[in-house]
Amino acid sequence: MELDKIHHIAVQVSNIKKSVEWYKAKFSCEVDYSDSSWALLRFANVSVALVTKNEHPPHYAIERESISEFGAPLTHRDGTKSVYISDLDDNTIEMLKL
């Protein structure tokens, strides 16, 4: 059995542009995507999504081949497909289709 992969961890920020600049100045990372409501920063082993409070919940994303057992996938602006679920303690998990 192949293990699922953590794709990214999402943290809420008040300003995407300023936060991207701060992370790039402090750490060695690449910006894979950025718009007014979220940015995806790629590190060597995992990505960090910077998200705005009104658009996205704090969460972590698990990447796998099939996500249909978690519900009907949504298609995001960048073309990715995912389903949001909650664990037993109401933590948000994004199930992201490979």
PDB file of N, CA and C in Angstrom:
ATOM      1  N   MET A   1       0.839  -1.188   0.000  1.00  0.00           N
ATOM      2  CA  MET A   1       0.000   0.000   0.000  1.00  0.00           C
ATOM      3  C   MET A   1       0.883   1.250   0.000  1.00  0.00           C
ATOM      4  N   GLU A   2       0.599   2.158  -0.915  1.00  0.00           N
ATOM      5  CA  GLU A   2       1.329   3.421  -0.964  1.00  0.00           C
ATOM      6  C   GLU A   2       0.747   4.387   0.062  1.00  0.00           C
ATOM      7  N   LEU A   3       1.617   5.047   0.794  1.00  0.00           N
ATOM      8  CA  LEU A   3       1.174   6.010   1.795  1.00  0.00           C
ATOM      9  C   LEU A   3       0.703   7.296   1.130  1.00  0.00           C
ATOM     10  N   ASP A   4      -0.300   7.945   1.732  1.00  0.00           N
ATOM     11  CA  ASP A   4      -0.735   9.254   1.258  1.00  0.00           C
ATOM     12  C   ASP A   4       0.373  10.271   1.512  1.00  0.00           C
ATOM     13  N   LYS A   5       0.334  11.382   0.781  1.00  0.00           N
ATOM     14  CA  LYS A   5       1.364  12.419   0.902  1.00  0.00           C
ATOM     15  C   LYS A   5       0.744  13.716   1.404  1.00  0.00           C
ATOM     16  N   ILE A   6       1.473  14.396   2.281  1.00  0.00           N
ATOM     17  CA  ILE A   6       1.077  15.747   2.670  1.00  0.00           C
ATOM     18  C   ILE A   6       1.508  16.665   1.533  1.00  0.00           C
ATOM     19  N   HIS A   7       0.568  17.381   0.955  1.00  0.00           N
ATOM     20  CA  HIS A   7       0.871  18.291  -0.149  1.00  0.00           C
ATOM     21  C   HIS A   7       1.229  19.683   0.370  1.00  0.00           C
ATOM     22  N   HIS A   8       0.393  20.215   1.263  1.00  0.00           N
ATOM     23  CA  HIS A   8       0.686  21.536   1.822  1.00  0.00           C
ATOM     24  C   HIS A   8      -0.007  21.713   3.170  1.00  0.00           C
ATOM     25  N   ILE A   9       0.468  22.722   3.877  1.00  0.00           N
ATOM     26  CA  ILE A   9      -0.138  23.164   5.124  1.00  0.00           C
ATOM     27  C   ILE A   9      -0.559  24.607   4.886  1.00  0.00           C
ATOM     28  N   ALA A  10      -1.808  24.936   5.194  1.00  0.00           N
ATOM     29  CA  ALA A  10      -2.324  26.283   4.948  1.00  0.00           C
ATOM     30  C   ALA A  10      -2.427  27.060   6.254  1.00  0.00           C
ATOM     31  N   VAL A  11      -1.844  28.256   6.239  1.00  0.00           N
ATOM     32  CA  VAL A  11      -1.910  29.151   7.391  1.00  0.00           C
ATOM     33  C   VAL A  11      -2.541  30.465   6.944  1.00  0.00           C
ATOM     34  N   GLN A  12      -3.349  31.043   7.825  1.00  0.00           N
ATOM     35  CA  GLN A  12      -4.017  32.292   7.483  1.00  0.00           C
ATOM     36  C   GLN A  12      -3.105  33.483   7.737  1.00  0.00           C
ATOM     37  N   VAL A  13      -3.138  34.432   6.802  1.00  0.00           N
ATOM     38  CA  VAL A  13      -2.357  35.661   6.908  1.00  0.00           C
ATOM     39  C   VAL A  13      -3.269  36.840   6.574  1.00  0.00           C
ATOM     40  N   SER A  14      -2.864  38.030   6.996  1.00  0.00           N
ATOM     41  CA  SER A  14      -3.698  39.209   6.749  1.00  0.00           C
ATOM     42  C   SER A  14      -3.422  39.858   5.396  1.00  0.00           C
ATOM     43  N   ASN A  15      -2.217  39.649   4.843  1.00  0.00           N
ATOM     44  CA  ASN A  15      -1.865  40.264   3.566  1.00  0.00           C
ATOM     45  C   ASN A  15      -0.995  39.288   2.775  1.00  0.00           C
ATOM     46  N   ILE A  16      -1.519  38.780   1.664  1.00  0.00           N
ATOM     47  CA  ILE A  16      -0.801  37.768   0.882  1.00  0.00           C
ATOM     48  C   ILE A  16       0.519  38.317   0.354  1.00  0.00           C
ATOM     49  N   LYS A  17       0.487  39.470  -0.297  1.00  0.00           N
ATOM     50  CA  LYS A  17       1.699  40.024  -0.922  1.00  0.00           C
ATOM     51  C   LYS A  17       2.806  40.258   0.107  1.00  0.00           C
ATOM     52  N   LYS A  18       2.472  40.903   1.216  1.00  0.00           N
ATOM     53  CA  LYS A  18       3.478  41.171   2.254  1.00  0.00           C
ATOM     54  C   LYS A  18       3.994  39.872   2.869  1.00  0.00           C
ATOM     55  N   SER A  19       3.107  38.910   3.063  1.00  0.00           N
ATOM     56  CA  SER A  19       3.525  37.635   3.649  1.00  0.00           C
ATOM     57  C   SER A  19       4.444  36.865   2.710  1.00  0.00           C
ATOM     58  N   VAL A  20       4.138  36.866   1.411  1.00  0.00           N
ATOM     59  CA  VAL A  20       5.020  36.211   0.435  1.00  0.00           C
ATOM     60  C   VAL A  20       6.403  36.847   0.486  1.00  0.00           C
ATOM     61  N   GLU A  21       6.457  38.170   0.502  1.00  0.00           N
ATOM     62  CA  GLU A  21       7.746  38.870   0.579  1.00  0.00           C
ATOM     63  C   GLU A  21       8.501  38.487   1.843  1.00  0.00           C
ATOM     64  N   TRP A  22       7.803  38.411   2.983  1.00  0.00           N
ATOM     65  CA  TRP A  22       8.446  38.056   4.247  1.00  0.00           C
ATOM     66  C   TRP A  22       9.009  36.640   4.197  1.00  0.00           C
ATOM     67  N   TYR A  23       8.202  35.673   3.754  1.00  0.00           N
ATOM     68  CA  TYR A  23       8.666  34.282   3.681  1.00  0.00           C
ATOM     69  C   TYR A  23       9.858  34.145   2.738  1.00  0.00           C
ATOM     70  N   LYS A  24       9.817  34.827   1.593  1.00  0.00           N
ATOM     71  CA  LYS A  24      10.929  34.742   0.642  1.00  0.00           C
ATOM     72  C   LYS A  24      12.206  35.362   1.209  1.00  0.00           C
ATOM     73  N   ALA A  25      12.063  36.413   2.017  1.00  0.00           N
ATOM     74  CA  ALA A  25      13.234  37.057   2.617  1.00  0.00           C
ATOM     75  C   ALA A  25      13.839  36.203   3.731  1.00  0.00           C
ATOM     76  N   LYS A  26      13.013  35.450   4.443  1.00  0.00           N
ATOM     77  CA  LYS A  26      13.474  34.670   5.594  1.00  0.00           C
ATOM     78  C   LYS A  26      13.900  33.244   5.265  1.00  0.00           C
ATOM     79  N   PHE A  27      13.299  32.646   4.233  1.00  0.00           N
ATOM     80  CA  PHE A  27      13.508  31.224   3.949  1.00  0.00           C
ATOM     81  C   PHE A  27      13.838  30.994   2.483  1.00  0.00           C
ATOM     82  N   SER A  28      14.430  29.857   2.213  1.00  0.00           N
ATOM     83  CA  SER A  28      14.707  29.455   0.838  1.00  0.00           C
ATOM     84  C   SER A  28      13.500  28.671   0.324  1.00  0.00           C
ATOM     85  N   CYS A  29      12.665  29.345  -0.459  1.00  0.00           N
ATOM     86  CA  CYS A  29      11.452  28.731  -1.005  1.00  0.00           C
ATOM     87  C   CYS A  29      11.122  29.385  -2.340  1.00  0.00           C
ATOM     88  N   GLU A  30      10.265  28.722  -3.096  1.00  0.00           N
ATOM     89  CA  GLU A  30       9.821  29.232  -4.394  1.00  0.00           C
ATOM     90  C   GLU A  30       8.321  29.494  -4.341  1.00  0.00           C
ATOM     91  N   VAL A  31       7.872  30.515  -5.054  1.00  0.00           N
ATOM     92  CA  VAL A  31       6.445  30.809  -5.157  1.00  0.00           C
ATOM     93  C   VAL A  31       5.901  30.060  -6.369  1.00  0.00           C
ATOM     94  N   ASP A  32       5.047  29.073  -6.121  1.00  0.00           N
ATOM     95  CA  ASP A  32       4.435  28.307  -7.213  1.00  0.00           C
ATOM     96  C   ASP A  32       3.177  28.975  -7.750  1.00  0.00           C
ATOM     97  N   TYR A  33       2.476  29.724  -6.890  1.00  0.00           N
ATOM     98  CA  TYR A  33       1.237  30.381  -7.302  1.00  0.00           C
ATOM     99  C   TYR A  33       0.970  31.518  -6.330  1.00  0.00           C
ATOM    100  N   SER A  34       0.388  32.602  -6.830  1.00  0.00           N
ATOM    101  CA  SER A  34       0.008  33.697  -5.945  1.00  0.00           C
ATOM    102  C   SER A  34      -1.096  34.521  -6.593  1.00  0.00           C
ATOM    103  N   ASP A  35      -2.115  34.854  -5.800  1.00  0.00           N
ATOM    104  CA  ASP A  35      -3.128  35.818  -6.217  1.00  0.00           C
ATOM    105  C   ASP A  35      -3.542  36.603  -4.973  1.00  0.00           C
ATOM    106  N   SER A  36      -4.652  37.300  -5.021  1.00  0.00           N
ATOM    107  CA  SER A  36      -5.024  38.157  -3.893  1.00  0.00           C
ATOM    108  C   SER A  36      -5.538  37.400  -2.672  1.00  0.00           C
ATOM    109  N   SER A  37      -5.925  36.115  -2.829  1.00  0.00           N
ATOM    110  CA  SER A  37      -6.476  35.390  -1.678  1.00  0.00           C
ATOM    111  C   SER A  37      -5.622  34.225  -1.201  1.00  0.00           C
ATOM    112  N   TRP A  38      -4.618  33.811  -2.005  1.00  0.00           N
ATOM    113  CA  TRP A  38      -3.735  32.754  -1.523  1.00  0.00           C
ATOM    114  C   TRP A  38      -2.463  32.684  -2.352  1.00  0.00           C
ATOM    115  N   ALA A  39      -1.441  32.099  -1.736  1.00  0.00           N
ATOM    116  CA  ALA A  39      -0.163  31.859  -2.413  1.00  0.00           C
ATOM    117  C   ALA A  39       0.351  30.502  -1.962  1.00  0.00           C
ATOM    118  N   LEU A  40       1.056  29.824  -2.863  1.00  0.00           N
ATOM    119  CA  LEU A  40       1.630  28.518  -2.538  1.00  0.00           C
ATOM    120  C   LEU A  40       3.143  28.625  -2.605  1.00  0.00           C
ATOM    121  N   LEU A  41       3.789  28.405  -1.460  1.00  0.00           N
ATOM    122  CA  LEU A  41       5.246  28.454  -1.359  1.00  0.00           C
ATOM    123  C   LEU A  41       5.780  27.036  -1.289  1.00  0.00           C
ATOM    124  N   ARG A  42       6.704  26.720  -2.176  1.00  0.00           N
ATOM    125  CA  ARG A  42       7.273  25.363  -2.229  1.00  0.00           C
ATOM    126  C   ARG A  42       8.604  25.341  -1.487  1.00  0.00           C
ATOM    127  N   PHE A  43       8.683  24.450  -0.511  1.00  0.00           N
ATOM    128  CA  PHE A  43       9.920  24.166   0.204  1.00  0.00           C
ATOM    129  C   PHE A  43      10.434  22.817  -0.294  1.00  0.00           C
ATOM    130  N   ALA A  44      11.573  22.361   0.194  1.00  0.00           N
ATOM    131  CA  ALA A  44      12.169  21.114  -0.292  1.00  0.00           C
ATOM    132  C   ALA A  44      11.273  19.902  -0.047  1.00  0.00           C
ATOM    133  N   ASN A  45      10.578  19.871   1.080  1.00  0.00           N
ATOM    134  CA  ASN A  45       9.821  18.665   1.440  1.00  0.00           C
ATOM    135  C   ASN A  45       8.310  18.829   1.492  1.00  0.00           C
ATOM    136  N   VAL A  46       7.807  20.040   1.531  1.00  0.00           N
ATOM    137  CA  VAL A  46       6.359  20.281   1.610  1.00  0.00           C
ATOM    138  C   VAL A  46       6.101  21.729   1.200  1.00  0.00           C
ATOM    139  N   SER A  47       4.882  22.027   0.842  1.00  0.00           N
ATOM    140  CA  SER A  47       4.519  23.402   0.492  1.00  0.00           C
ATOM    141  C   SER A  47       3.710  24.033   1.616  1.00  0.00           C
ATOM    142  N   VAL A  48       3.770  25.364   1.679  1.00  0.00           N
ATOM    143  CA  VAL A  48       2.975  26.130   2.630  1.00  0.00           C
ATOM    144  C   VAL A  48       2.060  27.042   1.822  1.00  0.00           C
ATOM    145  N   ALA A  49       0.769  26.962   2.105  1.00  0.00           N
ATOM    146  CA  ALA A  49      -0.199  27.852   1.465  1.00  0.00           C
ATOM    147  C   ALA A  49      -0.487  28.997   2.426  1.00  0.00           C
ATOM    148  N   LEU A  50      -0.307  30.207   1.944  1.00  0.00           N
ATOM    149  CA  LEU A  50      -0.690  31.393   2.701  1.00  0.00           C
ATOM    150  C   LEU A  50      -2.083  31.761   2.216  1.00  0.00           C
ATOM    151  N   VAL A  51      -3.050  31.815   3.120  1.00  0.00           N
ATOM    152  CA  VAL A  51      -4.444  32.025   2.727  1.00  0.00           C
ATOM    153  C   VAL A  51      -5.063  33.171   3.522  1.00  0.00           C
ATOM    154  N   THR A  52      -6.050  33.832   2.923  1.00  0.00           N
ATOM    155  CA  THR A  52      -6.765  34.891   3.631  1.00  0.00           C
ATOM    156  C   THR A  52      -7.918  34.287   4.427  1.00  0.00           C
ATOM    157  N   LYS A  53      -8.265  34.944   5.517  1.00  0.00           N
ATOM    158  CA  LYS A  53      -9.281  34.421   6.430  1.00  0.00           C
ATOM    159  C   LYS A  53     -10.656  34.308   5.779  1.00  0.00           C
ATOM    160  N   ASN A  54     -11.006  35.222   4.910  1.00  0.00           N
ATOM    161  CA  ASN A  54     -12.345  35.214   4.310  1.00  0.00           C
ATOM    162  C   ASN A  54     -12.493  34.186   3.196  1.00  0.00           C
ATOM    163  N   GLU A  55     -11.391  33.698   2.655  1.00  0.00           N
ATOM    164  CA  GLU A  55     -11.437  32.810   1.497  1.00  0.00           C
ATOM    165  C   GLU A  55     -11.164  31.343   1.818  1.00  0.00           C
ATOM    166  N   HIS A  56     -10.269  31.077   2.756  1.00  0.00           N
ATOM    167  CA  HIS A  56      -9.810  29.709   2.982  1.00  0.00           C
ATOM    168  C   HIS A  56      -9.625  29.435   4.473  1.00  0.00           C
ATOM    169  N   PRO A  57      -9.996  28.241   4.938  1.00  0.00           N
ATOM    170  CA  PRO A  57      -9.752  27.885   6.338  1.00  0.00           C
ATOM    171  C   PRO A  57      -8.307  27.424   6.521  1.00  0.00           C
ATOM    172  N   PRO A  58      -7.768  27.527   7.747  1.00  0.00           N
ATOM    173  CA  PRO A  58      -6.476  26.881   7.988  1.00  0.00           C
ATOM    174  C   PRO A  58      -6.680  25.372   7.850  1.00  0.00           C
ATOM    175  N   HIS A  59      -5.726  24.697   7.217  1.00  0.00           N
ATOM    176  CA  HIS A  59      -5.897  23.265   6.966  1.00  0.00           C
ATOM    177  C   HIS A  59      -4.575  22.648   6.546  1.00  0.00           C
ATOM    178  N   TYR A  60      -4.585  21.336   6.406  1.00  0.00           N
ATOM    179  CA  TYR A  60      -3.487  20.672   5.705  1.00  0.00           C
ATOM    180  C   TYR A  60      -4.099  19.831   4.609  1.00  0.00           C
ATOM    181  N   ALA A  61      -3.334  19.613   3.545  1.00  0.00           N
ATOM    182  CA  ALA A  61      -3.849  18.899   2.377  1.00  0.00           C
ATOM    183  C   ALA A  61      -3.126  17.579   2.206  1.00  0.00           C
ATOM    184  N   ILE A  62      -3.907  16.533   1.996  1.00  0.00           N
ATOM    185  CA  ILE A  62      -3.378  15.201   1.716  1.00  0.00           C
ATOM    186  C   ILE A  62      -3.629  14.908   0.245  1.00  0.00           C
ATOM    187  N   GLU A  63      -2.581  14.493  -0.444  1.00  0.00           N
ATOM    188  CA  GLU A  63      -2.651  14.221  -1.875  1.00  0.00           C
ATOM    189  C   GLU A  63      -2.758  12.722  -2.112  1.00  0.00           C
ATOM    190  N   ARG A  64      -3.709  12.324  -2.973  1.00  0.00           N
ATOM    191  CA  ARG A  64      -3.882  10.905  -3.279  1.00  0.00           C
ATOM    192  C   ARG A  64      -4.543  10.745  -4.643  1.00  0.00           C
ATOM    193  N   GLU A  65      -4.499   9.512  -5.141  1.00  0.00           N
ATOM    194  CA  GLU A  65      -5.064   9.192  -6.460  1.00  0.00           C
ATOM    195  C   GLU A  65      -6.575   9.401  -6.512  1.00  0.00           C
ATOM    196  N   SER A  66      -7.294   8.887  -5.518  1.00  0.00           N
ATOM    197  CA  SER A  66      -8.755   8.940  -5.529  1.00  0.00           C
ATOM    198  C   SER A  66      -9.259   9.694  -4.307  1.00  0.00           C
ATOM    199  N   ILE A  67     -10.172  10.628  -4.538  1.00  0.00           N
ATOM    200  CA  ILE A  67     -10.769  11.368  -3.418  1.00  0.00           C
ATOM    201  C   ILE A  67     -12.288  11.244  -3.417  1.00  0.00           C
ATOM    202  N   SER A  68     -12.843  10.494  -4.350  1.00  0.00           N
ATOM    203  CA  SER A  68     -14.303  10.422  -4.505  1.00  0.00           C
ATOM    204  C   SER A  68     -15.011   9.865  -3.268  1.00  0.00           C
ATOM    205  N   GLU A  69     -14.327   9.034  -2.480  1.00  0.00           N
ATOM    206  CA  GLU A  69     -14.981   8.487  -1.285  1.00  0.00           C
ATOM    207  C   GLU A  69     -15.218   9.542  -0.210  1.00  0.00           C
ATOM    208  N   PHE A  70     -14.635  10.747  -0.386  1.00  0.00           N
ATOM    209  CA  PHE A  70     -14.800  11.828   0.583  1.00  0.00           C
ATOM    210  C   PHE A  70     -15.896  12.818   0.181  1.00  0.00           C
ATOM    211  N   GLY A  71     -16.443  12.661  -1.021  1.00  0.00           N
ATOM    212  CA  GLY A  71     -17.485  13.568  -1.500  1.00  0.00           C
ATOM    213  C   GLY A  71     -17.206  14.018  -2.918  1.00  0.00           C
ATOM    214  N   ALA A  72     -18.051  14.922  -3.406  1.00  0.00           N
ATOM    215  CA  ALA A  72     -17.909  15.432  -4.771  1.00  0.00           C
ATOM    216  C   ALA A  72     -16.791  16.470  -4.816  1.00  0.00           C
ATOM    217  N   PRO A  73     -15.781  16.259  -5.658  1.00  0.00           N
ATOM    218  CA  PRO A  73     -14.664  17.202  -5.732  1.00  0.00           C
ATOM    219  C   PRO A  73     -15.078  18.569  -6.279  1.00  0.00           C
ATOM    220  N   LEU A  74     -14.457  19.604  -5.742  1.00  0.00           N
ATOM    221  CA  LEU A  74     -14.587  20.966  -6.252  1.00  0.00           C
ATOM    222  C   LEU A  74     -13.380  21.247  -7.132  1.00  0.00           C
ATOM    223  N   THR A  75     -13.556  22.024  -8.185  1.00  0.00           N
ATOM    224  CA  THR A  75     -12.432  22.430  -9.025  1.00  0.00           C
ATOM    225  C   THR A  75     -12.057  23.856  -8.657  1.00  0.00           C
ATOM    226  N   HIS A  76     -10.797  24.067  -8.282  1.00  0.00           N
ATOM    227  CA  HIS A  76     -10.306  25.383  -7.882  1.00  0.00           C
ATOM    228  C   HIS A  76      -9.864  26.193  -9.097  1.00  0.00           C
ATOM    229  N   ARG A  77      -9.593  27.484  -8.877  1.00  0.00           N
ATOM    230  CA  ARG A  77      -9.150  28.388  -9.949  1.00  0.00           C
ATOM    231  C   ARG A  77      -7.916  27.887 -10.670  1.00  0.00           C
ATOM    232  N   ASP A  78      -7.028  27.200  -9.945  1.00  0.00           N
ATOM    233  CA  ASP A  78      -5.787  26.719 -10.565  1.00  0.00           C
ATOM    234  C   ASP A  78      -5.964  25.357 -11.234  1.00  0.00           C
ATOM    235  N   GLY A  79      -7.201  24.836 -11.244  1.00  0.00           N
ATOM    236  CA  GLY A  79      -7.486  23.570 -11.914  1.00  0.00           C
ATOM    237  C   GLY A  79      -7.403  22.334 -11.034  1.00  0.00           C
ATOM    238  N   THR A  80      -6.919  22.485  -9.806  1.00  0.00           N
ATOM    239  CA  THR A  80      -6.840  21.331  -8.912  1.00  0.00           C
ATOM    240  C   THR A  80      -8.236  20.950  -8.432  1.00  0.00           C
ATOM    241  N   LYS A  81      -8.391  19.684  -8.060  1.00  0.00           N
ATOM    242  CA  LYS A  81      -9.669  19.172  -7.558  1.00  0.00           C
ATOM    243  C   LYS A  81      -9.470  18.689  -6.124  1.00  0.00           C
ATOM    244  N   SER A  82     -10.423  19.052  -5.252  1.00  0.00           N
ATOM    245  CA  SER A  82     -10.295  18.627  -3.863  1.00  0.00           C
ATOM    246  C   SER A  82     -11.646  18.553  -3.180  1.00  0.00           C
ATOM    247  N   VAL A  83     -11.631  17.912  -2.014  1.00  0.00           N
ATOM    248  CA  VAL A  83     -12.789  17.820  -1.129  1.00  0.00           C
ATOM    249  C   VAL A  83     -12.296  18.193   0.264  1.00  0.00           C
ATOM    250  N   TYR A  84     -13.029  19.068   0.945  1.00  0.00           N
ATOM    251  CA  TYR A  84     -12.683  19.423   2.319  1.00  0.00           C
ATOM    252  C   TYR A  84     -13.480  18.546   3.276  1.00  0.00           C
ATOM    253  N   ILE A  85     -12.780  17.988   4.267  1.00  0.00           N
ATOM    254  CA  ILE A  85     -13.421  17.180   5.301  1.00  0.00           C
ATOM    255  C   ILE A  85     -12.921  17.667   6.660  1.00  0.00           C
ATOM    256  N   SER A  86     -13.530  17.183   7.726  1.00  0.00           N
ATOM    257  CA  SER A  86     -13.079  17.502   9.084  1.00  0.00           C
ATOM    258  C   SER A  86     -12.761  16.214   9.818  1.00  0.00           C
ATOM    259  N   ASP A  87     -11.735  16.275  10.676  1.00  0.00           N
ATOM    260  CA  ASP A  87     -11.420  15.101  11.491  1.00  0.00           C
ATOM    261  C   ASP A  87     -12.302  15.101  12.740  1.00  0.00           C
ATOM    262  N   LEU A  88     -12.046  14.192  13.656  1.00  0.00           N
ATOM    263  CA  LEU A  88     -12.874  14.051  14.859  1.00  0.00           C
ATOM    264  C   LEU A  88     -12.855  15.281  15.754  1.00  0.00           C
ATOM    265  N   ASP A  89     -11.791  16.106  15.644  1.00  0.00           N
ATOM    266  CA  ASP A  89     -11.677  17.314  16.459  1.00  0.00           C
ATOM    267  C   ASP A  89     -11.957  18.575  15.660  1.00  0.00           C
ATOM    268  N   ASP A  90     -12.589  18.419  14.505  1.00  0.00           N
ATOM    269  CA  ASP A  90     -13.016  19.519  13.641  1.00  0.00           C
ATOM    270  C   ASP A  90     -11.860  20.263  12.965  1.00  0.00           C
ATOM    271  N   ASN A  91     -10.708  19.607  12.824  1.00  0.00           N
ATOM    272  CA  ASN A  91      -9.616  20.167  12.034  1.00  0.00           C
ATOM    273  C   ASN A  91      -9.940  19.962  10.559  1.00  0.00           C
ATOM    274  N   THR A  92      -9.692  20.975   9.743  1.00  0.00           N
ATOM    275  CA  THR A  92     -10.001  20.892   8.319  1.00  0.00           C
ATOM    276  C   THR A  92      -8.874  20.202   7.569  1.00  0.00           C
ATOM    277  N   ILE A  93      -9.250  19.249   6.724  1.00  0.00           N
ATOM    278  CA  ILE A  93      -8.303  18.516   5.881  1.00  0.00           C
ATOM    279  C   ILE A  93      -8.791  18.638   4.443  1.00  0.00           C
ATOM    280  N   GLU A  94      -7.904  19.042   3.564  1.00  0.00           N
ATOM    281  CA  GLU A  94      -8.229  19.095   2.141  1.00  0.00           C
ATOM    282  C   GLU A  94      -7.712  17.823   1.489  1.00  0.00           C
ATOM    283  N   MET A  95      -8.608  17.055   0.903  1.00  0.00           N
ATOM    284  CA  MET A  95      -8.223  15.853   0.169  1.00  0.00           C
ATOM    285  C   MET A  95      -8.017  16.277  -1.279  1.00  0.00           C
ATOM    286  N   LEU A  96      -6.771  16.238  -1.737  1.00  0.00           N
ATOM    287  CA  LEU A  96      -6.372  16.787  -3.034  1.00  0.00           C
ATOM    288  C   LEU A  96      -6.084  15.662  -4.008  1.00  0.00           C
ATOM    289  N   LYS A  97      -6.726  15.710  -5.174  1.00  0.00           N
ATOM    290  CA  LYS A  97      -6.528  14.676  -6.197  1.00  0.00           C
ATOM    291  C   LYS A  97      -5.214  14.912  -6.923  1.00  0.00           C
ATOM    292  N   LEU A  98      -4.443  13.816  -7.089  1.00  0.00           N
ATOM    293  CA  LEU A  98      -3.183  13.894  -7.839  1.00  0.00           C
ATOM    294  C   LEU A  98      -3.435  14.340  -9.256  1.00  0.00           C
TER     295      LEU A  98
END
